[in-house]
Amino acid sequence: MMKFDYMIGACGSMTWERFCLGIPSSLVSLADNQLGSSKILSSRGLIRYLGDAREIDVKTWKDELFFLNKSRKEFSYNSREIFK
């Protein structure tokens, strides 16, 4: 994981591992129990929450990859700061 520039994944427990490593992430929810924490983390600029995985289309993914290409350094810093 240390070699990754960013990750795309689900809003589960691996989110905290990504924070420890400072890996910026675009995340989707796969279950209802992931909604609350996803919205809080997103509102604090720690993740990019894209919504329910079943509702994401190709354009959303393309737009997200373009955004992350420009913003991953800021997200990496924010991700590491949560553990200080």
Protein backbone atom coordinates (compact mmCIF):
# COMPACT_ATOMS: atom_id res chain seq x y z
CA MET A 1 0.00 0.00 0.00
CA MET A 2 2.91 2.39 0.60
CA LYS A 3 3.47 2.54 -3.16
CA PHE A 4 -0.06 3.79 -3.89
CA ASP A 5 -0.73 7.38 -4.91
CA TYR A 6 -4.41 7.06 -4.04
CA MET A 7 -7.00 4.38 -3.43
CA ILE A 8 -10.54 3.78 -4.49
CA GLY A 9 -12.51 1.59 -2.15
CA ALA A 10 -15.29 1.10 0.34
CA CYS A 11 -15.87 3.02 3.55
CA GLY A 12 -15.02 0.13 5.83
CA SER A 13 -12.33 -0.49 8.43
CA MET A 14 -9.53 -0.24 5.88
CA THR A 15 -10.23 3.51 5.78
CA TRP A 16 -8.23 3.86 9.03
CA GLU A 17 -5.26 2.00 7.53
CA ARG A 18 -5.31 4.43 4.62
CA PHE A 19 -5.23 7.34 7.08
CA CYS A 20 -2.21 5.91 8.89
CA LEU A 21 -0.33 5.69 5.61
CA GLY A 22 -1.53 9.06 4.32
CA ILE A 23 -3.14 7.58 1.24
CA PRO A 24 -5.86 9.82 -0.21
CA SER A 25 -9.04 7.95 -0.99
CA SER A 26 -12.21 8.13 -2.99
CA LEU A 27 -14.72 5.93 -1.24
CA VAL A 28 -18.16 4.51 -1.78
CA SER A 29 -20.52 2.92 0.69
CA LEU A 30 -21.43 -0.72 0.28
CA ALA A 31 -23.70 -0.96 3.31
CA ASP A 32 -25.97 1.35 5.30
CA ASN A 33 -23.69 1.23 8.36
CA GLN A 34 -20.98 3.04 6.35
CA LEU A 35 -23.08 6.12 5.58
CA GLY A 36 -22.65 8.12 8.80
CA SER A 37 -18.88 7.91 9.10
CA SER A 38 -18.46 8.46 5.35
CA LYS A 39 -20.35 11.73 5.45
CA ILE A 40 -18.47 12.97 8.55
CA LEU A 41 -15.03 12.11 7.12
CA SER A 42 -15.94 13.72 3.81
CA SER A 43 -17.19 16.91 5.47
CA ARG A 44 -13.81 17.21 7.21
CA GLY A 45 -11.89 16.84 3.94
CA LEU A 46 -10.39 13.48 4.88
CA ILE A 47 -11.95 11.41 2.10
CA ARG A 48 -13.89 11.96 -1.08
CA TYR A 49 -17.22 10.25 -0.55
CA LEU A 50 -18.86 9.42 -3.86
CA GLY A 51 -22.07 7.86 -2.56
CA ASP A 52 -23.68 4.46 -2.72
CA ALA A 53 -21.66 2.10 -4.94
CA ARG A 54 -24.81 0.91 -6.69
CA GLU A 55 -25.56 4.45 -7.85
CA ILE A 56 -22.15 5.48 -9.22
CA ASP A 57 -21.82 5.84 -12.98
CA VAL A 58 -18.78 5.95 -15.29
CA LYS A 59 -18.82 9.75 -15.51
CA THR A 60 -18.57 10.02 -11.71
CA TRP A 61 -15.49 7.77 -11.69
CA LYS A 62 -13.83 9.71 -14.53
CA ASP A 63 -14.48 13.03 -12.80
CA GLU A 64 -13.09 11.65 -9.54
CA LEU A 65 -9.87 10.42 -11.13
CA PHE A 66 -9.36 13.82 -12.73
CA PHE A 67 -9.94 15.58 -9.39
CA LEU A 68 -7.57 13.29 -7.50
CA ASN A 69 -4.83 13.80 -10.04
CA LYS A 70 -4.86 17.48 -9.01
CA SER A 71 -5.54 17.13 -5.26
CA ARG A 72 -3.96 13.99 -3.83
CA LYS A 73 -1.13 15.81 -1.98
CA GLU A 74 -3.62 17.81 0.07
CA PHE A 75 -5.59 14.67 0.89
CA SER A 76 -2.43 12.82 1.85
CA TYR A 77 -1.54 15.56 4.35
CA ASN A 78 -5.08 15.59 5.80
CA SER A 79 -5.07 11.81 6.13
CA ARG A 80 -1.87 11.78 8.19
CA GLU A 81 -2.93 14.67 10.41
CA ILE A 82 -5.86 12.74 11.88
CA PHE A 83 -3.43 10.59 13.89
CA LYS A 84 -1.34 13.40 15.40
